[in-house]
Amino acid sequence: MRPYVILNSAMTLDGKIATKTGSSEISGPEDLIRVHKIRKEVDAIMVGINTVLADDPRLTVHKIPSVPSDNPLRVVVDSRARTPLEFRILNTDAPTLIAVSESADPQKVEALKKKVDVVSCGDKRVDLQCLMAELHGRGVKTLMLEGGSTLNYSMLSQGLVDEVRVCIAPMIAGGRDSKTLVDGEGIGHMKDAFKMEFKKSYSLGKDMVVEYHVVHE
């Protein structure tokens, strides 16, 4: 058993979620409100360690009216326990779970445990199947994946994403080193691409939001 996973992101017309320098200010204010409404509805939000290191995110509900209890569990996939102790993801605004692997430095793991919950899943890298089972056991029924391109690919390739919601901004970034919605190893043939079924689309300010169900074969 695992949570129902919604991959949510914003991207440019050419599929970029960040420039080569890491700049990711893509969607407009209307989309930020949409994102925070989703955060308020789900049980957990998950990101990878690269997103944490690049953005120092709060991952709380703060763009719309809310109370502390509206904040979902914050989950960080951090195989080597690299989350800086002073970062906002470890504050007391919302509960946080750091997922590490057995290869993580024990001293760093102990330091994190003094601030938040830590769970070990996997040998050298976090076993995402194990983590999803752990989250389900903790009562997480719905999870919003706000991952970077690598985590997005890993979740999709393991059949752990149920829905994709993408805000498409009317801009083109370009750049062979710019991050796309999904990177990772990638598929070898188009016939093996992750299949989607259209759910709905709608305009949001200058942006467009498109939602799909992921087809699990």
C-alpha atoms as a PDB file:
ATOM      1  CA  MET A   1       0.000   0.000   0.000  1.00  0.00           C
ATOM      2  CA  ARG A   2       1.144   3.540  -0.739  1.00  0.00           C
ATOM      3  CA  PRO A   3      -0.216   7.102  -0.911  1.00  0.00           C
ATOM      4  CA  TYR A   4      -1.950   8.543  -3.966  1.00  0.00           C
ATOM      5  CA  VAL A   5       0.795  10.670  -5.531  1.00  0.00           C
ATOM      6  CA  ILE A   6       0.233  13.923  -7.437  1.00  0.00           C
ATOM      7  CA  LEU A   7       3.277  15.215  -9.321  1.00  0.00           C
ATOM      8  CA  ASN A   8       2.870  18.975  -9.517  1.00  0.00           C
ATOM      9  CA  SER A   9       5.180  21.399 -11.267  1.00  0.00           C
ATOM     10  CA  ALA A  10       5.470  24.546 -13.366  1.00  0.00           C
ATOM     11  CA  MET A  11       7.370  24.558 -16.625  1.00  0.00           C
ATOM     12  CA  THR A  12       8.046  26.681 -19.676  1.00  0.00           C
ATOM     13  CA  LEU A  13       6.715  25.918 -23.145  1.00  0.00           C
ATOM     14  CA  ASP A  14       9.924  24.012 -23.852  1.00  0.00           C
ATOM     15  CA  GLY A  15       9.560  21.878 -20.722  1.00  0.00           C
ATOM     16  CA  LYS A  16      12.111  23.620 -18.500  1.00  0.00           C
ATOM     17  CA  ILE A  17      11.550  23.829 -14.748  1.00  0.00           C
ATOM     18  CA  ALA A  18      14.746  25.804 -14.081  1.00  0.00           C
ATOM     19  CA  THR A  19      17.487  27.560 -16.032  1.00  0.00           C
ATOM     20  CA  LYS A  20      21.114  26.432 -16.056  1.00  0.00           C
ATOM     21  CA  THR A  21      21.724  28.779 -13.094  1.00  0.00           C
ATOM     22  CA  GLY A  22      18.834  27.285 -11.108  1.00  0.00           C
ATOM     23  CA  SER A  23      16.391  30.160 -11.585  1.00  0.00           C
ATOM     24  CA  SER A  24      12.858  28.755 -11.369  1.00  0.00           C
ATOM     25  CA  GLU A  25      10.490  31.745 -11.161  1.00  0.00           C
ATOM     26  CA  ILE A  26       8.098  30.457 -13.794  1.00  0.00           C
ATOM     27  CA  SER A  27       4.420  30.586 -12.894  1.00  0.00           C
ATOM     28  CA  GLY A  28       2.363  33.632 -11.971  1.00  0.00           C
ATOM     29  CA  PRO A  29       0.670  34.566  -8.672  1.00  0.00           C
ATOM     30  CA  GLU A  30      -2.501  32.711  -9.585  1.00  0.00           C
ATOM     31  CA  ASP A  31      -0.598  29.463  -9.891  1.00  0.00           C
ATOM     32  CA  LEU A  32       1.105  29.970  -6.526  1.00  0.00           C
ATOM     33  CA  ILE A  33      -2.361  30.144  -4.974  1.00  0.00           C
ATOM     34  CA  ARG A  34      -3.323  26.931  -6.821  1.00  0.00           C
ATOM     35  CA  VAL A  35      -0.227  25.173  -5.460  1.00  0.00           C
ATOM     36  CA  HIS A  36      -0.948  26.212  -1.895  1.00  0.00           C
ATOM     37  CA  LYS A  37      -4.536  25.022  -2.212  1.00  0.00           C
ATOM     38  CA  ILE A  38      -3.198  21.595  -3.174  1.00  0.00           C
ATOM     39  CA  ARG A  39      -0.772  21.676  -0.241  1.00  0.00           C
ATOM     40  CA  LYS A  40      -3.700  22.355   2.063  1.00  0.00           C
ATOM     41  CA  GLU A  41      -5.584  19.351   0.689  1.00  0.00           C
ATOM     42  CA  VAL A  42      -2.858  16.683   0.815  1.00  0.00           C
ATOM     43  CA  ASP A  43      -1.345  14.792   3.748  1.00  0.00           C
ATOM     44  CA  ALA A  44       2.294  15.247   2.704  1.00  0.00           C
ATOM     45  CA  ILE A  45       4.618  17.119   0.345  1.00  0.00           C
ATOM     46  CA  MET A  46       7.791  15.466  -0.919  1.00  0.00           C
ATOM     47  CA  VAL A  47      10.931  16.974  -2.452  1.00  0.00           C
ATOM     48  CA  GLY A  48      14.464  15.788  -3.092  1.00  0.00           C
ATOM     49  CA  ILE A  49      17.583  17.056  -1.370  1.00  0.00           C
ATOM     50  CA  ASN A  50      18.679  18.995  -4.474  1.00  0.00           C
ATOM     51  CA  THR A  51      15.507  21.088  -4.303  1.00  0.00           C
ATOM     52  CA  VAL A  52      16.128  21.746  -0.620  1.00  0.00           C
ATOM     53  CA  LEU A  53      19.730  22.804  -1.205  1.00  0.00           C
ATOM     54  CA  ALA A  54      18.802  25.031  -4.156  1.00  0.00           C
ATOM     55  CA  ASP A  55      15.731  26.760  -2.718  1.00  0.00           C
ATOM     56  CA  ASP A  56      15.701  26.349   1.097  1.00  0.00           C
ATOM     57  CA  PRO A  57      11.899  25.955   0.847  1.00  0.00           C
ATOM     58  CA  ARG A  58       9.408  26.198   3.685  1.00  0.00           C
ATOM     59  CA  LEU A  59       6.904  23.796   2.076  1.00  0.00           C
ATOM     60  CA  THR A  60       4.064  25.178   4.167  1.00  0.00           C
ATOM     61  CA  VAL A  61       0.661  26.642   3.319  1.00  0.00           C
ATOM     62  CA  HIS A  62       1.155  30.412   3.408  1.00  0.00           C
ATOM     63  CA  LYS A  63      -0.162  31.969   0.198  1.00  0.00           C
ATOM     64  CA  ILE A  64      -3.787  31.419   1.242  1.00  0.00           C
ATOM     65  CA  PRO A  65      -5.641  31.718   4.568  1.00  0.00           C
ATOM     66  CA  SER A  66      -4.560  28.823   6.774  1.00  0.00           C
ATOM     67  CA  VAL A  67      -3.829  27.633  10.281  1.00  0.00           C
ATOM     68  CA  PRO A  68      -0.797  25.573  11.399  1.00  0.00           C
ATOM     69  CA  SER A  69      -2.795  22.352  11.277  1.00  0.00           C
ATOM     70  CA  ASP A  70      -3.298  22.867   7.523  1.00  0.00           C
ATOM     71  CA  ASN A  71       0.400  22.261   6.905  1.00  0.00           C
ATOM     72  CA  PRO A  72       1.068  18.767   5.538  1.00  0.00           C
ATOM     73  CA  LEU A  73       3.968  16.547   6.524  1.00  0.00           C
ATOM     74  CA  ARG A  74       7.159  17.667   4.747  1.00  0.00           C
ATOM     75  CA  VAL A  75       9.166  14.758   3.320  1.00  0.00           C
ATOM     76  CA  VAL A  76      12.742  15.083   2.043  1.00  0.00           C
ATOM     77  CA  VAL A  77      14.468  12.329   0.067  1.00  0.00           C
ATOM     78  CA  ASP A  78      18.027  12.782   1.338  1.00  0.00           C
ATOM     79  CA  SER A  79      20.081   9.618   0.881  1.00  0.00           C
ATOM     80  CA  ARG A  80      23.246  11.004   2.479  1.00  0.00           C
ATOM     81  CA  ALA A  81      21.651  13.190   5.171  1.00  0.00           C
ATOM     82  CA  ARG A  82      22.858  16.429   3.595  1.00  0.00           C
ATOM     83  CA  THR A  83      19.989  18.641   4.777  1.00  0.00           C
ATOM     84  CA  PRO A  84      21.587  21.698   6.456  1.00  0.00           C
ATOM     85  CA  LEU A  85      20.529  21.980  10.094  1.00  0.00           C
ATOM     86  CA  GLU A  86      19.747  25.696   9.742  1.00  0.00           C
ATOM     87  CA  PHE A  87      17.402  25.305   6.754  1.00  0.00           C
ATOM     88  CA  ARG A  88      13.706  26.196   6.999  1.00  0.00           C
ATOM     89  CA  ILE A  89      12.560  22.645   6.205  1.00  0.00           C
ATOM     90  CA  LEU A  90      13.632  21.731   9.754  1.00  0.00           C
ATOM     91  CA  ASN A  91      11.735  24.507  11.529  1.00  0.00           C
ATOM     92  CA  THR A  92       8.723  23.897  13.756  1.00  0.00           C
ATOM     93  CA  ASP A  93       6.152  25.362  11.353  1.00  0.00           C
ATOM     94  CA  ALA A  94       5.194  21.864  10.176  1.00  0.00           C
ATOM     95  CA  PRO A  95       6.227  18.255  10.849  1.00  0.00           C
ATOM     96  CA  THR A  96       9.123  16.957   8.754  1.00  0.00           C
ATOM     97  CA  LEU A  97      10.386  13.498   7.844  1.00  0.00           C
ATOM     98  CA  ILE A  98      13.858  13.045   6.366  1.00  0.00           C
ATOM     99  CA  ALA A  99      14.358   9.803   4.424  1.00  0.00           C
ATOM    100  CA  VAL A 100      17.979   8.641   4.380  1.00  0.00           C
ATOM    101  CA  SER A 101      19.805   5.500   3.290  1.00  0.00           C
ATOM    102  CA  GLU A 102      22.143   3.208   5.205  1.00  0.00           C
ATOM    103  CA  SER A 103      25.079   4.976   3.543  1.00  0.00           C
ATOM    104  CA  ALA A 104      24.333   8.270   5.331  1.00  0.00           C
ATOM    105  CA  ASP A 105      26.865   9.586   7.846  1.00  0.00           C
ATOM    106  CA  PRO A 106      25.628   8.401  11.290  1.00  0.00           C
ATOM    107  CA  GLN A 107      26.650  11.689  12.919  1.00  0.00           C
ATOM    108  CA  LYS A 108      24.625  13.704  10.404  1.00  0.00           C
ATOM    109  CA  VAL A 109      21.660  11.383  10.918  1.00  0.00           C
ATOM    110  CA  GLU A 110      21.813  11.819  14.692  1.00  0.00           C
ATOM    111  CA  ALA A 111      22.006  15.601  14.300  1.00  0.00           C
ATOM    112  CA  LEU A 112      18.881  15.556  12.117  1.00  0.00           C
ATOM    113  CA  LYS A 113      17.065  13.308  14.585  1.00  0.00           C
ATOM    114  CA  LYS A 114      17.408  16.010  17.227  1.00  0.00           C
ATOM    115  CA  LYS A 115      15.232  18.253  15.065  1.00  0.00           C
ATOM    116  CA  VAL A 116      12.868  16.038  13.049  1.00  0.00           C
ATOM    117  CA  ASP A 117      11.870  12.442  12.352  1.00  0.00           C
ATOM    118  CA  VAL A 118      14.321  10.415  10.288  1.00  0.00           C
ATOM    119  CA  VAL A 119      13.639   7.103   8.573  1.00  0.00           C
ATOM    120  CA  SER A 120      16.178   4.858   6.852  1.00  0.00           C
ATOM    121  CA  CYS A 121      15.067   3.177   3.620  1.00  0.00           C
ATOM    122  CA  GLY A 122      17.521   1.481   1.303  1.00  0.00           C
ATOM    123  CA  ASP A 123      21.224   0.740   1.165  1.00  0.00           C
ATOM    124  CA  LYS A 124      23.061   3.379  -0.881  1.00  0.00           C
ATOM    125  CA  ARG A 125      20.048   5.381  -2.040  1.00  0.00           C
ATOM    126  CA  VAL A 126      16.600   5.898  -0.581  1.00  0.00           C
ATOM    127  CA  ASP A 127      14.328   3.035  -1.628  1.00  0.00           C
ATOM    128  CA  LEU A 128      11.241   4.908  -2.796  1.00  0.00           C
ATOM    129  CA  GLN A 129       8.988   1.841  -2.590  1.00  0.00           C
ATOM    130  CA  CYS A 130      10.040   1.430   1.031  1.00  0.00           C
ATOM    131  CA  LEU A 131       9.464   5.128   1.710  1.00  0.00           C
ATOM    132  CA  MET A 132       5.975   5.075   0.192  1.00  0.00           C
ATOM    133  CA  ALA A 133       5.070   2.093   2.383  1.00  0.00           C
ATOM    134  CA  GLU A 134       6.465   3.918   5.425  1.00  0.00           C
ATOM    135  CA  LEU A 135       4.403   7.009   4.651  1.00  0.00           C
ATOM    136  CA  HIS A 136       1.263   4.941   4.140  1.00  0.00           C
ATOM    137  CA  GLY A 137       1.881   3.335   7.519  1.00  0.00           C
ATOM    138  CA  ARG A 138       2.042   6.821   9.036  1.00  0.00           C
ATOM    139  CA  GLY A 139      -1.402   7.643   7.683  1.00  0.00           C
ATOM    140  CA  VAL A 140      -0.368   9.527   4.541  1.00  0.00           C
ATOM    141  CA  LYS A 141      -3.088   8.874   1.984  1.00  0.00           C
ATOM    142  CA  THR A 142      -2.281  11.682  -0.470  1.00  0.00           C
ATOM    143  CA  LEU A 143       1.152  13.038  -1.340  1.00  0.00           C
ATOM    144  CA  MET A 144       2.125  16.015  -3.467  1.00  0.00           C
ATOM    145  CA  LEU A 145       5.419  15.476  -5.284  1.00  0.00           C
ATOM    146  CA  GLU A 146       7.180  18.806  -5.795  1.00  0.00           C
ATOM    147  CA  GLY A 147      10.369  17.107  -6.799  1.00  0.00           C
ATOM    148  CA  GLY A 148      13.124  18.136  -9.112  1.00  0.00           C
ATOM    149  CA  SER A 149      13.623  16.412 -12.443  1.00  0.00           C
ATOM    150  CA  THR A 150      15.643  13.495 -11.037  1.00  0.00           C
ATOM    151  CA  LEU A 151      13.170  12.585  -8.291  1.00  0.00           C
ATOM    152  CA  ASN A 152      10.282  13.020 -10.731  1.00  0.00           C
ATOM    153  CA  TYR A 153      11.865  10.464 -13.070  1.00  0.00           C
ATOM    154  CA  SER A 154      12.608   8.021 -10.266  1.00  0.00           C
ATOM    155  CA  MET A 155       9.013   8.147  -9.017  1.00  0.00           C
ATOM    156  CA  LEU A 156       7.539   7.775 -12.503  1.00  0.00           C
ATOM    157  CA  SER A 157       9.893   4.957 -13.493  1.00  0.00           C
ATOM    158  CA  GLN A 158       8.852   2.978 -10.420  1.00  0.00           C
ATOM    159  CA  GLY A 159       5.153   3.445 -11.060  1.00  0.00           C
ATOM    160  CA  LEU A 160       4.681   5.611  -7.990  1.00  0.00           C
ATOM    161  CA  VAL A 161       2.895   8.589  -9.591  1.00  0.00           C
ATOM    162  CA  ASP A 162      -0.876   8.590 -10.101  1.00  0.00           C
ATOM    163  CA  GLU A 163      -1.519  12.076 -11.424  1.00  0.00           C
ATOM    164  CA  VAL A 164       0.471  14.853 -13.112  1.00  0.00           C
ATOM    165  CA  ARG A 165      -0.525  18.512 -12.851  1.00  0.00           C
ATOM    166  CA  VAL A 166       1.594  20.989 -14.773  1.00  0.00           C
ATOM    167  CA  CYS A 167       1.339  24.758 -15.032  1.00  0.00           C
ATOM    168  CA  ILE A 168       2.686  25.799 -18.434  1.00  0.00           C
ATOM    169  CA  ALA A 169       3.957  29.371 -18.582  1.00  0.00           C
ATOM    170  CA  PRO A 170       4.066  31.303 -21.893  1.00  0.00           C
ATOM    171  CA  MET A 171       7.858  31.530 -22.053  1.00  0.00           C
ATOM    172  CA  ILE A 172      10.786  29.632 -23.534  1.00  0.00           C
ATOM    173  CA  ALA A 173      14.018  29.179 -21.589  1.00  0.00           C
ATOM    174  CA  GLY A 174      16.175  26.921 -23.759  1.00  0.00           C
ATOM    175  CA  GLY A 175      19.547  25.602 -22.662  1.00  0.00           C
ATOM    176  CA  ARG A 176      20.925  22.084 -22.880  1.00  0.00           C
ATOM    177  CA  ASP A 177      21.889  22.316 -19.204  1.00  0.00           C
ATOM    178  CA  SER A 178      18.526  23.639 -18.031  1.00  0.00           C
ATOM    179  CA  LYS A 179      16.418  21.262 -15.945  1.00  0.00           C
ATOM    180  CA  THR A 180      13.375  19.708 -17.587  1.00  0.00           C
ATOM    181  CA  LEU A 181      10.260  18.382 -15.889  1.00  0.00           C
ATOM    182  CA  VAL A 182      11.747  14.878 -15.915  1.00  0.00           C
ATOM    183  CA  ASP A 183      15.426  14.052 -16.389  1.00  0.00           C
ATOM    184  CA  GLY A 184      17.110  10.948 -14.983  1.00  0.00           C
ATOM    185  CA  GLU A 185      18.205   8.110 -17.219  1.00  0.00           C
ATOM    186  CA  GLY A 186      15.255   8.481 -19.554  1.00  0.00           C
ATOM    187  CA  ILE A 187      13.609   5.870 -21.729  1.00  0.00           C
ATOM    188  CA  GLY A 188      15.220   4.327 -24.795  1.00  0.00           C
ATOM    189  CA  HIS A 189      12.163   4.137 -27.051  1.00  0.00           C
ATOM    190  CA  MET A 190       9.014   6.252 -27.293  1.00  0.00           C
ATOM    191  CA  LYS A 191       6.880   3.124 -27.025  1.00  0.00           C
ATOM    192  CA  ASP A 192       8.101   2.861 -23.435  1.00  0.00           C
ATOM    193  CA  ALA A 193       7.197   6.447 -22.519  1.00  0.00           C
ATOM    194  CA  PHE A 194       5.100   7.008 -19.410  1.00  0.00           C
ATOM    195  CA  LYS A 195       1.508   6.973 -20.632  1.00  0.00           C
ATOM    196  CA  MET A 196      -1.010   9.615 -19.556  1.00  0.00           C
ATOM    197  CA  GLU A 197      -4.754  10.096 -19.882  1.00  0.00           C
ATOM    198  CA  PHE A 198      -6.017  13.669 -20.227  1.00  0.00           C
ATOM    199  CA  LYS A 199      -8.031  14.870 -17.249  1.00  0.00           C
ATOM    200  CA  LYS A 200      -8.620  18.596 -17.802  1.00  0.00           C
ATOM    201  CA  SER A 201      -7.014  21.918 -18.663  1.00  0.00           C
ATOM    202  CA  TYR A 202      -7.803  25.531 -17.842  1.00  0.00           C
ATOM    203  CA  SER A 203      -6.348  29.029 -18.059  1.00  0.00           C
ATOM    204  CA  LEU A 204      -4.884  30.621 -14.956  1.00  0.00           C
ATOM    205  CA  GLY A 205      -3.871  34.229 -15.473  1.00  0.00           C
ATOM    206  CA  LYS A 206      -1.265  34.148 -18.250  1.00  0.00           C
ATOM    207  CA  ASP A 207      -0.566  30.464 -17.608  1.00  0.00           C
ATOM    208  CA  MET A 208      -2.317  27.226 -18.496  1.00  0.00           C
ATOM    209  CA  VAL A 209      -2.738  24.254 -16.181  1.00  0.00           C
ATOM    210  CA  VAL A 210      -2.963  20.751 -17.641  1.00  0.00           C
ATOM    211  CA  GLU A 211      -3.849  17.684 -15.571  1.00  0.00           C
ATOM    212  CA  TYR A 212      -3.355  14.031 -16.486  1.00  0.00           C
ATOM    213  CA  HIS A 213      -3.921  10.652 -14.899  1.00  0.00           C
ATOM    214  CA  VAL A 214      -0.954   8.319 -15.143  1.00  0.00           C
ATOM    215  CA  VAL A 215      -1.732   5.002 -16.830  1.00  0.00           C
ATOM    216  CA  HIS A 216      -0.325   2.072 -14.854  1.00  0.00           C
ATOM    217  CA  GLU A 217       0.067  -0.867 -17.198  1.00  0.00           C
END
